N, C-alpha and C. Protein backbone atom coordinates (compact mmCIF):
# COMPACT_ATOMS: atom_id res chain seq x y z
N MET A 1 176.49 -13.89 190.28
CA MET A 1 176.14 -15.16 190.90
C MET A 1 176.70 -15.24 192.30
N TYR A 2 175.92 -15.82 193.21
CA TYR A 2 176.34 -16.00 194.59
C TYR A 2 176.54 -17.48 194.89
N ILE A 3 177.54 -17.76 195.69
CA ILE A 3 177.73 -19.11 196.23
C ILE A 3 177.45 -19.04 197.73
N ILE A 4 176.50 -19.83 198.20
CA ILE A 4 176.20 -19.90 199.63
C ILE A 4 176.62 -21.28 200.10
N VAL A 5 177.61 -21.32 200.97
CA VAL A 5 178.15 -22.58 201.47
C VAL A 5 177.73 -22.78 202.91
N GLY A 6 177.19 -23.94 203.20
CA GLY A 6 176.88 -24.31 204.58
C GLY A 6 177.88 -25.35 205.05
N LEU A 7 178.62 -25.06 206.11
CA LEU A 7 179.64 -26.00 206.58
C LEU A 7 179.01 -27.07 207.47
N GLY A 8 179.57 -28.28 207.39
CA GLY A 8 179.08 -29.38 208.20
C GLY A 8 179.83 -30.65 207.86
N ASN A 9 179.33 -31.75 208.38
CA ASN A 9 179.90 -33.06 208.11
C ASN A 9 178.87 -33.94 207.42
N PRO A 10 179.27 -34.66 206.37
CA PRO A 10 178.33 -35.56 205.69
C PRO A 10 178.07 -36.80 206.54
N GLY A 11 176.91 -37.42 206.35
CA GLY A 11 176.60 -38.65 207.08
C GLY A 11 175.43 -38.46 208.00
N ARG A 12 174.58 -39.48 208.06
CA ARG A 12 173.36 -39.41 208.86
C ARG A 12 173.64 -39.16 210.34
N GLU A 13 174.76 -39.69 210.83
CA GLU A 13 175.06 -39.56 212.26
C GLU A 13 175.36 -38.12 212.69
N TYR A 14 175.67 -37.26 211.70
CA TYR A 14 175.97 -35.86 212.01
C TYR A 14 174.82 -34.91 211.67
N ALA A 15 173.74 -35.44 211.14
CA ALA A 15 172.72 -34.65 210.46
C ALA A 15 172.20 -33.45 211.25
N GLU A 16 171.91 -33.60 212.53
CA GLU A 16 171.31 -32.49 213.29
C GLU A 16 172.16 -32.09 214.48
N THR A 17 173.46 -32.28 214.36
CA THR A 17 174.35 -31.91 215.45
C THR A 17 174.71 -30.43 215.39
N ARG A 18 175.27 -29.94 216.47
CA ARG A 18 175.63 -28.52 216.55
C ARG A 18 176.63 -28.11 215.46
N HIS A 19 177.46 -29.06 215.03
CA HIS A 19 178.50 -28.73 214.05
C HIS A 19 177.93 -28.65 212.62
N ASN A 20 176.64 -28.95 212.46
CA ASN A 20 176.04 -28.96 211.12
C ASN A 20 175.05 -27.82 210.90
N MET A 21 175.24 -26.72 211.59
CA MET A 21 174.35 -25.58 211.43
C MET A 21 174.33 -25.07 209.99
N GLY A 22 175.49 -25.11 209.33
CA GLY A 22 175.56 -24.64 207.95
C GLY A 22 174.70 -25.48 207.02
N TYR A 23 174.81 -26.79 207.15
CA TYR A 23 173.99 -27.70 206.35
C TYR A 23 172.50 -27.41 206.58
N MET A 24 172.13 -27.26 207.85
CA MET A 24 170.72 -27.10 208.21
C MET A 24 170.15 -25.79 207.70
N ALA A 25 170.94 -24.71 207.75
CA ALA A 25 170.48 -23.43 207.21
C ALA A 25 170.30 -23.52 205.70
N LEU A 26 171.19 -24.26 205.03
CA LEU A 26 171.08 -24.44 203.59
C LEU A 26 169.81 -25.21 203.22
N ASP A 27 169.46 -26.18 204.04
CA ASP A 27 168.23 -26.94 203.79
C ASP A 27 167.01 -26.03 203.83
N ILE A 28 167.01 -25.06 204.73
CA ILE A 28 165.90 -24.10 204.81
C ILE A 28 165.84 -23.27 203.53
N LEU A 29 166.99 -22.76 203.08
CA LEU A 29 167.03 -21.97 201.85
C LEU A 29 166.59 -22.81 200.64
N ALA A 30 167.05 -24.05 200.59
CA ALA A 30 166.69 -24.92 199.47
C ALA A 30 165.19 -25.16 199.44
N ASP A 31 164.60 -25.39 200.60
CA ASP A 31 163.16 -25.63 200.67
C ASP A 31 162.37 -24.39 200.28
N ARG A 32 162.80 -23.23 200.73
CA ARG A 32 162.10 -21.98 200.43
C ARG A 32 162.10 -21.67 198.93
N HIS A 33 163.21 -21.96 198.29
CA HIS A 33 163.39 -21.50 196.91
C HIS A 33 163.38 -22.65 195.88
N GLY A 34 162.99 -23.82 196.32
CA GLY A 34 162.84 -24.94 195.39
C GLY A 34 164.13 -25.36 194.72
N ILE A 35 165.22 -25.36 195.48
CA ILE A 35 166.53 -25.74 194.93
C ILE A 35 166.91 -27.13 195.43
N ASP A 36 167.16 -28.04 194.53
CA ASP A 36 167.57 -29.40 194.89
C ASP A 36 169.09 -29.46 195.08
N ILE A 37 169.51 -29.81 196.28
CA ILE A 37 170.94 -29.96 196.55
C ILE A 37 171.28 -31.42 196.35
N LYS A 38 171.47 -31.80 195.10
CA LYS A 38 171.68 -33.22 194.76
C LYS A 38 172.89 -33.48 193.88
N ARG A 39 173.30 -32.47 193.12
CA ARG A 39 174.43 -32.68 192.22
C ARG A 39 175.71 -32.83 193.03
N GLU A 40 176.61 -33.65 192.51
CA GLU A 40 177.88 -33.87 193.23
C GLU A 40 179.06 -33.56 192.33
N ASN A 41 179.85 -32.60 192.77
CA ASN A 41 181.08 -32.20 192.09
C ASN A 41 181.78 -31.20 193.00
N PHE A 42 182.99 -30.84 192.66
CA PHE A 42 183.75 -29.83 193.43
C PHE A 42 183.89 -30.24 194.90
N ARG A 43 183.88 -31.53 195.17
CA ARG A 43 184.00 -32.06 196.54
C ARG A 43 182.86 -31.59 197.43
N CYS A 44 181.68 -31.47 196.83
CA CYS A 44 180.50 -31.07 197.59
C CYS A 44 179.24 -31.58 196.89
N VAL A 45 178.11 -31.47 197.58
CA VAL A 45 176.82 -31.63 196.93
C VAL A 45 176.24 -30.23 196.81
N PHE A 46 175.59 -29.94 195.70
CA PHE A 46 175.15 -28.57 195.47
C PHE A 46 173.93 -28.54 194.55
N GLY A 47 173.33 -27.37 194.47
CA GLY A 47 172.22 -27.14 193.56
C GLY A 47 172.23 -25.68 193.13
N GLU A 48 171.67 -25.41 191.97
CA GLU A 48 171.62 -24.05 191.44
C GLU A 48 170.16 -23.57 191.38
N GLY A 49 169.97 -22.29 191.59
CA GLY A 49 168.62 -21.71 191.52
C GLY A 49 168.70 -20.21 191.59
N ARG A 50 167.63 -19.60 192.05
CA ARG A 50 167.58 -18.14 192.17
C ARG A 50 167.02 -17.73 193.53
N ILE A 51 167.63 -16.68 194.06
CA ILE A 51 167.15 -16.03 195.28
C ILE A 51 167.20 -14.53 195.03
N ALA A 52 166.11 -13.85 195.32
CA ALA A 52 166.03 -12.39 195.10
C ALA A 52 166.43 -12.02 193.68
N GLY A 53 166.08 -12.87 192.73
CA GLY A 53 166.38 -12.59 191.32
C GLY A 53 167.80 -12.87 190.90
N GLU A 54 168.64 -13.30 191.84
CA GLU A 54 170.05 -13.58 191.54
C GLU A 54 170.28 -15.08 191.41
N ARG A 55 171.15 -15.47 190.50
CA ARG A 55 171.56 -16.88 190.41
C ARG A 55 172.38 -17.23 191.65
N VAL A 56 172.09 -18.38 192.22
CA VAL A 56 172.82 -18.81 193.42
C VAL A 56 173.19 -20.29 193.30
N VAL A 57 174.25 -20.63 193.97
CA VAL A 57 174.64 -22.03 194.17
C VAL A 57 174.57 -22.28 195.68
N LEU A 58 173.84 -23.31 196.08
CA LEU A 58 173.81 -23.74 197.47
C LEU A 58 174.68 -24.99 197.57
N ALA A 59 175.70 -24.95 198.42
CA ALA A 59 176.68 -26.05 198.43
C ALA A 59 177.01 -26.52 199.84
N LYS A 60 177.12 -27.86 199.98
CA LYS A 60 177.55 -28.48 201.23
C LYS A 60 178.84 -29.27 200.96
N PRO A 61 179.96 -28.83 201.48
CA PRO A 61 181.19 -29.61 201.30
C PRO A 61 181.04 -31.00 201.90
N ILE A 62 181.59 -32.01 201.22
CA ILE A 62 181.53 -33.38 201.75
C ILE A 62 182.93 -33.88 202.09
N THR A 63 183.80 -32.94 202.37
CA THR A 63 185.19 -33.25 202.70
C THR A 63 185.39 -33.50 204.20
N TYR A 64 184.34 -33.36 204.97
CA TYR A 64 184.37 -33.26 206.43
C TYR A 64 184.91 -31.88 206.79
N MET A 65 184.49 -31.44 207.98
CA MET A 65 184.64 -30.04 208.37
C MET A 65 186.05 -29.48 208.20
N ASN A 66 187.05 -30.21 208.68
CA ASN A 66 188.40 -29.64 208.72
C ASN A 66 189.03 -29.39 207.36
N ASN A 67 188.44 -29.95 206.31
CA ASN A 67 188.96 -29.74 204.95
C ASN A 67 187.94 -29.02 204.06
N SER A 68 187.04 -28.28 204.66
CA SER A 68 185.99 -27.58 203.91
C SER A 68 186.55 -26.66 202.84
N GLY A 69 187.72 -26.12 203.07
CA GLY A 69 188.32 -25.17 202.14
C GLY A 69 188.56 -25.74 200.75
N TRP A 70 188.82 -27.04 200.66
CA TRP A 70 189.04 -27.64 199.35
C TRP A 70 187.82 -27.43 198.45
N ALA A 71 186.64 -27.72 199.00
CA ALA A 71 185.41 -27.60 198.22
C ALA A 71 185.11 -26.14 197.88
N VAL A 72 185.28 -25.26 198.86
CA VAL A 72 184.98 -23.85 198.63
C VAL A 72 185.90 -23.27 197.57
N ARG A 73 187.16 -23.61 197.63
CA ARG A 73 188.13 -23.15 196.62
C ARG A 73 187.74 -23.64 195.22
N ASP A 74 187.35 -24.92 195.12
CA ASP A 74 186.96 -25.47 193.82
C ASP A 74 185.74 -24.75 193.26
N LEU A 75 184.77 -24.46 194.12
CA LEU A 75 183.55 -23.76 193.68
C LEU A 75 183.87 -22.36 193.19
N VAL A 76 184.64 -21.62 193.98
CA VAL A 76 184.97 -20.23 193.62
C VAL A 76 185.78 -20.19 192.33
N ASN A 77 186.70 -21.11 192.17
CA ASN A 77 187.51 -21.14 190.95
C ASN A 77 186.66 -21.46 189.72
N TRP A 78 185.67 -22.32 189.86
CA TRP A 78 184.84 -22.71 188.73
C TRP A 78 183.86 -21.61 188.34
N TYR A 79 183.17 -21.05 189.35
CA TYR A 79 182.12 -20.07 189.06
C TYR A 79 182.65 -18.64 188.93
N LYS A 80 183.91 -18.42 189.28
CA LYS A 80 184.55 -17.11 189.12
C LYS A 80 183.80 -15.99 189.85
N THR A 81 183.34 -16.27 191.05
CA THR A 81 182.60 -15.26 191.82
C THR A 81 183.55 -14.25 192.45
N GLU A 82 183.02 -13.06 192.69
CA GLU A 82 183.76 -12.05 193.45
C GLU A 82 183.78 -12.47 194.92
N ASN A 83 184.74 -11.93 195.66
CA ASN A 83 184.86 -12.29 197.07
C ASN A 83 183.57 -12.05 197.85
N ASP A 84 182.92 -10.90 197.58
CA ASP A 84 181.71 -10.58 198.35
C ASP A 84 180.47 -11.33 197.87
N GLN A 85 180.65 -12.21 196.89
CA GLN A 85 179.53 -13.04 196.43
C GLN A 85 179.62 -14.47 196.97
N LEU A 86 180.54 -14.67 197.89
CA LEU A 86 180.63 -15.94 198.59
C LEU A 86 180.10 -15.72 200.01
N ILE A 87 179.14 -16.53 200.42
CA ILE A 87 178.57 -16.45 201.77
C ILE A 87 178.77 -17.80 202.44
N VAL A 88 179.35 -17.80 203.63
CA VAL A 88 179.57 -19.05 204.36
C VAL A 88 178.78 -19.03 205.66
N ILE A 89 178.04 -20.10 205.91
CA ILE A 89 177.23 -20.22 207.13
C ILE A 89 177.80 -21.37 207.97
N TYR A 90 178.00 -21.12 209.26
CA TYR A 90 178.60 -22.16 210.10
C TYR A 90 178.28 -21.94 211.57
N ASP A 91 178.55 -22.95 212.38
CA ASP A 91 178.28 -22.90 213.83
C ASP A 91 179.37 -22.14 214.56
N ASP A 92 179.03 -21.63 215.75
CA ASP A 92 180.02 -20.91 216.54
C ASP A 92 179.77 -21.15 218.02
N ILE A 93 180.75 -21.75 218.71
CA ILE A 93 180.60 -22.01 220.14
C ILE A 93 180.81 -20.75 220.97
N ASP A 94 181.36 -19.70 220.37
CA ASP A 94 181.60 -18.47 221.11
C ASP A 94 180.37 -17.57 221.17
N LEU A 95 179.30 -17.98 220.50
CA LEU A 95 178.03 -17.26 220.58
C LEU A 95 177.03 -18.11 221.36
N ALA A 96 176.20 -17.45 222.15
CA ALA A 96 175.17 -18.18 222.90
C ALA A 96 174.23 -18.89 221.94
N ALA A 97 173.71 -20.01 222.37
CA ALA A 97 172.79 -20.77 221.53
C ALA A 97 171.63 -19.89 221.10
N GLY A 98 171.42 -19.81 219.78
CA GLY A 98 170.31 -19.01 219.25
C GLY A 98 170.70 -17.63 218.77
N ASP A 99 171.90 -17.17 219.10
CA ASP A 99 172.37 -15.88 218.57
C ASP A 99 172.99 -16.10 217.20
N ILE A 100 172.91 -15.09 216.35
CA ILE A 100 173.65 -15.17 215.09
C ILE A 100 174.47 -13.89 214.93
N ARG A 101 175.52 -13.98 214.14
CA ARG A 101 176.37 -12.82 213.90
C ARG A 101 176.76 -12.81 212.43
N ILE A 102 176.61 -11.65 211.80
CA ILE A 102 176.89 -11.50 210.37
C ILE A 102 178.06 -10.54 210.20
N ARG A 103 179.06 -10.95 209.45
CA ARG A 103 180.22 -10.10 209.19
C ARG A 103 180.52 -10.11 207.70
N ALA A 104 181.06 -9.00 207.21
CA ALA A 104 181.41 -8.89 205.80
C ALA A 104 182.81 -9.43 205.53
N ALA A 105 183.59 -9.64 206.59
CA ALA A 105 184.97 -10.12 206.46
C ALA A 105 185.47 -10.46 207.85
N GLY A 106 186.66 -11.04 207.93
CA GLY A 106 187.23 -11.29 209.24
C GLY A 106 188.00 -12.60 209.31
N SER A 107 188.52 -12.88 210.50
CA SER A 107 189.33 -14.07 210.71
C SER A 107 188.43 -15.29 210.91
N SER A 108 189.08 -16.44 211.07
CA SER A 108 188.34 -17.69 211.26
C SER A 108 187.93 -17.93 212.70
N GLY A 109 188.53 -17.17 213.63
CA GLY A 109 188.30 -17.45 215.03
C GLY A 109 188.84 -18.84 215.37
N SER A 110 188.08 -19.58 216.16
CA SER A 110 188.54 -20.91 216.58
C SER A 110 187.95 -22.03 215.73
N HIS A 111 187.25 -21.68 214.64
CA HIS A 111 186.53 -22.67 213.85
C HIS A 111 187.45 -23.31 212.80
N ASN A 112 187.66 -24.61 212.91
CA ASN A 112 188.59 -25.29 212.00
C ASN A 112 188.11 -25.30 210.56
N GLY A 113 186.81 -25.40 210.35
CA GLY A 113 186.29 -25.36 208.99
C GLY A 113 186.59 -24.04 208.32
N MET A 114 186.41 -22.96 209.05
CA MET A 114 186.69 -21.64 208.48
C MET A 114 188.19 -21.42 208.31
N LYS A 115 188.98 -21.99 209.19
CA LYS A 115 190.44 -21.90 209.01
C LYS A 115 190.83 -22.52 207.68
N SER A 116 190.24 -23.66 207.36
CA SER A 116 190.52 -24.33 206.10
C SER A 116 190.06 -23.50 204.91
N VAL A 117 188.87 -22.91 205.02
CA VAL A 117 188.32 -22.09 203.93
C VAL A 117 189.24 -20.91 203.63
N ILE A 118 189.60 -20.17 204.66
CA ILE A 118 190.43 -18.98 204.46
C ILE A 118 191.82 -19.35 203.96
N TYR A 119 192.37 -20.45 204.48
CA TYR A 119 193.69 -20.89 204.03
C TYR A 119 193.68 -21.25 202.55
N GLN A 120 192.67 -22.00 202.13
CA GLN A 120 192.61 -22.44 200.74
C GLN A 120 192.29 -21.29 199.77
N LEU A 121 191.47 -20.35 200.20
CA LEU A 121 191.12 -19.23 199.33
C LEU A 121 192.23 -18.18 199.26
N GLY A 122 192.92 -18.00 200.38
CA GLY A 122 193.96 -16.97 200.44
C GLY A 122 193.40 -15.59 200.68
N PHE A 123 192.13 -15.49 201.07
CA PHE A 123 191.54 -14.19 201.43
C PHE A 123 190.42 -14.43 202.44
N ASP A 124 190.08 -13.38 203.18
CA ASP A 124 189.02 -13.53 204.20
C ASP A 124 187.94 -12.45 204.10
N ASP A 125 187.94 -11.71 202.98
CA ASP A 125 186.95 -10.63 202.83
C ASP A 125 185.71 -11.14 202.10
N PHE A 126 185.01 -12.06 202.73
CA PHE A 126 183.74 -12.56 202.20
C PHE A 126 182.74 -12.64 203.35
N PRO A 127 181.46 -12.48 203.08
CA PRO A 127 180.45 -12.51 204.14
C PRO A 127 180.35 -13.87 204.80
N ARG A 128 180.08 -13.85 206.09
CA ARG A 128 179.86 -15.09 206.81
C ARG A 128 178.74 -14.89 207.84
N ILE A 129 177.98 -15.95 208.07
CA ILE A 129 176.88 -15.94 209.03
C ILE A 129 177.17 -17.01 210.06
N ARG A 130 177.38 -16.61 211.30
CA ARG A 130 177.70 -17.54 212.37
C ARG A 130 176.45 -17.82 213.20
N VAL A 131 176.18 -19.08 213.43
CA VAL A 131 175.01 -19.49 214.21
C VAL A 131 175.50 -19.99 215.58
N GLY A 132 175.10 -19.31 216.63
CA GLY A 132 175.56 -19.68 217.97
C GLY A 132 175.01 -21.00 218.45
N VAL A 133 175.90 -21.85 218.96
CA VAL A 133 175.48 -23.13 219.54
C VAL A 133 175.87 -23.23 221.01
N GLY A 134 176.50 -22.19 221.54
CA GLY A 134 176.89 -22.18 222.94
C GLY A 134 178.14 -23.01 223.21
N ALA A 135 178.79 -22.71 224.31
CA ALA A 135 180.00 -23.44 224.72
C ALA A 135 179.61 -24.65 225.56
N PRO A 136 180.47 -25.67 225.60
CA PRO A 136 180.18 -26.84 226.44
C PRO A 136 180.11 -26.46 227.90
N GLU A 137 179.26 -27.16 228.65
CA GLU A 137 179.09 -26.89 230.07
C GLU A 137 179.37 -28.15 230.88
N GLY A 138 179.65 -27.93 232.16
CA GLY A 138 179.84 -29.05 233.07
C GLY A 138 181.02 -29.93 232.74
N GLY A 139 182.07 -29.33 232.17
CA GLY A 139 183.27 -30.09 231.86
C GLY A 139 183.15 -30.98 230.64
N MET A 140 182.10 -30.78 229.85
CA MET A 140 181.91 -31.60 228.65
C MET A 140 183.01 -31.32 227.63
N ASP A 141 183.48 -32.37 226.98
CA ASP A 141 184.51 -32.24 225.96
C ASP A 141 183.98 -31.43 224.78
N LEU A 142 184.83 -30.58 224.20
CA LEU A 142 184.41 -29.69 223.11
C LEU A 142 183.91 -30.49 221.91
N ILE A 143 184.66 -31.53 221.52
CA ILE A 143 184.26 -32.31 220.35
C ILE A 143 182.93 -33.01 220.60
N ALA A 144 182.78 -33.56 221.80
CA ALA A 144 181.52 -34.22 222.15
C ALA A 144 180.36 -33.23 222.10
N HIS A 145 180.64 -31.99 222.50
CA HIS A 145 179.60 -30.95 222.50
C HIS A 145 179.14 -30.62 221.08
N VAL A 146 180.08 -30.33 220.19
CA VAL A 146 179.67 -29.92 218.84
C VAL A 146 179.12 -31.09 218.03
N MET A 147 179.47 -32.31 218.41
CA MET A 147 178.96 -33.48 217.70
C MET A 147 177.65 -34.00 218.31
N SER A 148 177.13 -33.30 219.29
CA SER A 148 175.87 -33.71 219.91
C SER A 148 174.72 -32.85 219.38
N MET A 149 173.51 -33.32 219.60
CA MET A 149 172.33 -32.60 219.15
C MET A 149 171.81 -31.69 220.26
N PRO A 150 171.47 -30.45 219.93
CA PRO A 150 170.90 -29.56 220.95
C PRO A 150 169.55 -30.07 221.41
N LYS A 151 169.21 -29.78 222.66
CA LYS A 151 167.94 -30.24 223.22
C LYS A 151 167.25 -29.11 223.99
N GLY A 152 165.98 -29.32 224.26
CA GLY A 152 165.22 -28.41 225.11
C GLY A 152 165.22 -26.98 224.62
N ASP A 153 165.52 -26.05 225.54
CA ASP A 153 165.47 -24.62 225.24
C ASP A 153 166.47 -24.25 224.16
N ASP A 154 167.66 -24.86 224.22
CA ASP A 154 168.69 -24.58 223.20
C ASP A 154 168.19 -24.96 221.81
N LEU A 155 167.50 -26.07 221.71
CA LEU A 155 166.99 -26.53 220.42
C LEU A 155 166.01 -25.53 219.82
N GLU A 156 165.11 -25.02 220.66
CA GLU A 156 164.13 -24.05 220.16
C GLU A 156 164.81 -22.77 219.72
N LYS A 157 165.79 -22.31 220.49
CA LYS A 157 166.52 -21.09 220.12
C LYS A 157 167.28 -21.28 218.81
N ILE A 158 167.90 -22.45 218.65
CA ILE A 158 168.70 -22.71 217.45
C ILE A 158 167.81 -22.84 216.23
N ARG A 159 166.65 -23.41 216.37
CA ARG A 159 165.71 -23.50 215.24
C ARG A 159 165.33 -22.12 214.75
N THR A 160 165.08 -21.22 215.68
CA THR A 160 164.77 -19.83 215.31
C THR A 160 165.97 -19.19 214.63
N ALA A 161 167.16 -19.43 215.18
CA ALA A 161 168.39 -18.84 214.63
C ALA A 161 168.66 -19.32 213.21
N LEU A 162 168.36 -20.58 212.92
CA LEU A 162 168.59 -21.10 211.58
C LEU A 162 167.71 -20.40 210.56
N ASN A 163 166.47 -20.14 210.93
CA ASN A 163 165.59 -19.38 210.04
C ASN A 163 166.09 -17.96 209.86
N GLU A 164 166.60 -17.36 210.93
CA GLU A 164 167.17 -16.01 210.83
C GLU A 164 168.42 -16.02 209.94
N ALA A 165 169.22 -17.07 210.04
CA ALA A 165 170.41 -17.17 209.20
C ALA A 165 170.02 -17.25 207.72
N ALA A 166 168.96 -18.00 207.43
CA ALA A 166 168.46 -18.08 206.05
C ALA A 166 167.95 -16.72 205.59
N ASN A 167 167.23 -16.03 206.47
CA ASN A 167 166.74 -14.68 206.15
C ASN A 167 167.90 -13.74 205.86
N ALA A 168 168.95 -13.85 206.67
CA ALA A 168 170.12 -12.98 206.50
C ALA A 168 170.81 -13.26 205.16
N ALA A 169 170.93 -14.53 204.80
CA ALA A 169 171.54 -14.87 203.51
C ALA A 169 170.75 -14.29 202.36
N GLU A 170 169.43 -14.34 202.46
CA GLU A 170 168.58 -13.77 201.41
C GLU A 170 168.80 -12.26 201.28
N LEU A 171 168.93 -11.58 202.42
CA LEU A 171 169.17 -10.13 202.38
C LEU A 171 170.53 -9.80 201.77
N ILE A 172 171.54 -10.59 202.10
CA ILE A 172 172.88 -10.34 201.54
C ILE A 172 172.86 -10.52 200.02
N VAL A 173 172.19 -11.57 199.55
CA VAL A 173 172.08 -11.79 198.11
C VAL A 173 171.33 -10.63 197.45
N ALA A 174 170.36 -10.07 198.16
CA ALA A 174 169.58 -8.95 197.62
C ALA A 174 170.34 -7.63 197.69
N GLY A 175 171.57 -7.66 198.22
CA GLY A 175 172.39 -6.45 198.31
C GLY A 175 172.17 -5.65 199.57
N SER A 176 171.61 -6.28 200.60
CA SER A 176 171.27 -5.55 201.84
C SER A 176 172.05 -6.08 203.03
N MET A 177 173.37 -6.13 202.92
CA MET A 177 174.22 -6.58 204.02
C MET A 177 173.98 -5.75 205.29
N ALA A 178 173.93 -4.43 205.15
CA ALA A 178 173.76 -3.56 206.32
C ALA A 178 172.43 -3.85 207.03
N GLU A 179 171.39 -4.08 206.27
CA GLU A 179 170.09 -4.39 206.87
C GLU A 179 170.14 -5.73 207.60
N ALA A 180 170.80 -6.70 207.01
CA ALA A 180 170.94 -8.01 207.65
C ALA A 180 171.65 -7.87 208.99
N GLN A 181 172.73 -7.09 209.02
CA GLN A 181 173.47 -6.90 210.26
C GLN A 181 172.64 -6.16 211.29
N MET A 182 171.92 -5.15 210.86
CA MET A 182 171.09 -4.37 211.78
C MET A 182 169.99 -5.22 212.40
N ARG A 183 169.39 -6.10 211.59
CA ARG A 183 168.27 -6.91 212.05
C ARG A 183 168.69 -8.09 212.93
N PHE A 184 169.83 -8.68 212.61
CA PHE A 184 170.12 -9.97 213.25
C PHE A 184 171.35 -10.00 214.14
N ASN A 185 172.21 -8.99 214.09
CA ASN A 185 173.38 -8.99 214.97
C ASN A 185 172.97 -8.56 216.37
N LYS A 186 172.73 -9.54 217.22
CA LYS A 186 172.31 -9.25 218.59
C LYS A 186 173.52 -8.96 219.45
N LYS A 187 173.30 -8.15 220.48
CA LYS A 187 174.39 -7.89 221.41
C LYS A 187 174.68 -9.18 222.17
N PRO A 188 175.98 -9.45 222.45
CA PRO A 188 176.31 -10.67 223.19
C PRO A 188 175.62 -10.69 224.55
N ARG A 189 175.10 -11.86 224.91
CA ARG A 189 174.45 -11.97 226.21
C ARG A 189 175.50 -11.95 227.30
N ARG A 190 175.21 -11.19 228.35
CA ARG A 190 176.18 -11.10 229.43
C ARG A 190 176.21 -12.40 230.21
N LYS A 191 177.39 -12.72 230.73
CA LYS A 191 177.54 -13.94 231.49
C LYS A 191 176.81 -13.82 232.83
N LYS A 192 176.34 -14.95 233.33
CA LYS A 192 175.57 -14.97 234.57
C LYS A 192 176.37 -14.39 235.74
N LYS A 193 177.68 -14.65 235.77
CA LYS A 193 178.51 -14.12 236.87
C LYS A 193 178.50 -12.60 236.87
N GLU A 194 178.56 -12.00 235.66
CA GLU A 194 178.54 -10.54 235.57
C GLU A 194 177.21 -9.99 236.04
N GLU A 195 176.12 -10.66 235.65
CA GLU A 195 174.79 -10.21 236.05
C GLU A 195 174.61 -10.34 237.57
N ALA A 196 175.11 -11.44 238.15
CA ALA A 196 174.99 -11.65 239.59
C ALA A 196 175.78 -10.60 240.37
N LYS A 197 176.97 -10.26 239.85
CA LYS A 197 177.80 -9.24 240.50
C LYS A 197 177.11 -7.89 240.49
N GLU A 198 176.50 -7.54 239.34
CA GLU A 198 175.79 -6.27 239.24
C GLU A 198 174.59 -6.23 240.19
N ALA A 199 173.88 -7.37 240.30
CA ALA A 199 172.72 -7.44 241.19
C ALA A 199 173.16 -7.27 242.65
N GLU A 200 174.30 -7.89 242.99
CA GLU A 200 174.82 -7.78 244.36
C GLU A 200 175.23 -6.34 244.68
N GLU A 201 175.89 -5.69 243.73
CA GLU A 201 176.30 -4.30 243.94
C GLU A 201 175.09 -3.39 244.07
N ALA A 202 174.05 -3.66 243.28
CA ALA A 202 172.82 -2.86 243.36
C ALA A 202 172.16 -3.03 244.71
N ALA A 203 172.16 -4.27 245.24
CA ALA A 203 171.55 -4.54 246.54
C ALA A 203 172.31 -3.83 247.66
N GLN A 204 173.63 -3.75 247.51
CA GLN A 204 174.45 -3.06 248.52
C GLN A 204 174.23 -1.56 248.49
N ARG A 205 173.91 -1.03 247.32
CA ARG A 205 173.71 0.42 247.19
C ARG A 205 172.39 0.88 247.81
N LYS A 206 171.39 0.01 247.81
CA LYS A 206 170.06 0.42 248.28
C LYS A 206 170.04 0.93 249.72
N PRO A 207 170.65 0.19 250.69
CA PRO A 207 170.67 0.71 252.05
C PRO A 207 171.38 2.06 252.16
N GLN A 208 172.45 2.21 251.40
CA GLN A 208 173.19 3.48 251.43
C GLN A 208 172.34 4.62 250.88
N GLU A 209 171.57 4.33 249.83
CA GLU A 209 170.71 5.35 249.25
C GLU A 209 169.58 5.73 250.22
N SER A 210 169.08 4.72 250.95
CA SER A 210 168.01 4.98 251.94
C SER A 210 168.51 5.86 253.07
N GLU A 211 169.73 5.57 253.56
CA GLU A 211 170.32 6.38 254.63
C GLU A 211 170.52 7.82 254.17
N ALA A 212 170.94 8.00 252.94
CA ALA A 212 171.17 9.34 252.42
C ALA A 212 169.85 10.12 252.37
N LYS A 213 168.77 9.45 252.01
CA LYS A 213 167.47 10.13 251.94
C LYS A 213 166.98 10.53 253.34
N ASP A 214 167.23 9.65 254.37
CA ASP A 214 166.80 9.96 255.74
C ASP A 214 167.49 11.18 256.29
N GLU A 215 168.74 11.34 255.89
CA GLU A 215 169.50 12.51 256.34
C GLU A 215 168.93 13.79 255.75
């Protein structure tokens, strides 16, 4: 049995914010596989069903983000799943909007929800799917950024990424972690400053190359 947890905050005001990528990816999986996420226990709302022939639990902690670990610990203790049968989906400001990253294990990074999960479980060797929401720009406060809704180009990229995150979760449940990583782990996008510097250096090289050819 697999437990797929989507991290987020309960409440209508948080429904489509950057910090609720986990919830939103779970909604896609629930819709695809006819799983009702309505039961309430283990400090979460959850539903049971099947994906790729495997029994799965889709769960949304309702503890608020910073205490997500309480719910995840309760679920794992009840269902007695192996570490690699727990999949956690969550937002990541360190990835560009629309990128996703799949790992079989690792640290929490700067994400408070994942810090809580790892602390409460006492281990970090479980699969996770990070959905990039981008870093705040123009001096915007970090909390205001993750609690806001993506718009325009970012929104379209994130919608695509959420479907990819659901696809990746399905592959992991089917036993194809390596394929999921190969398909969806995109190389980090280079920063604009780095690209501008390379373009400037290339422009400076052209006259020198022309002079060398004339000689």
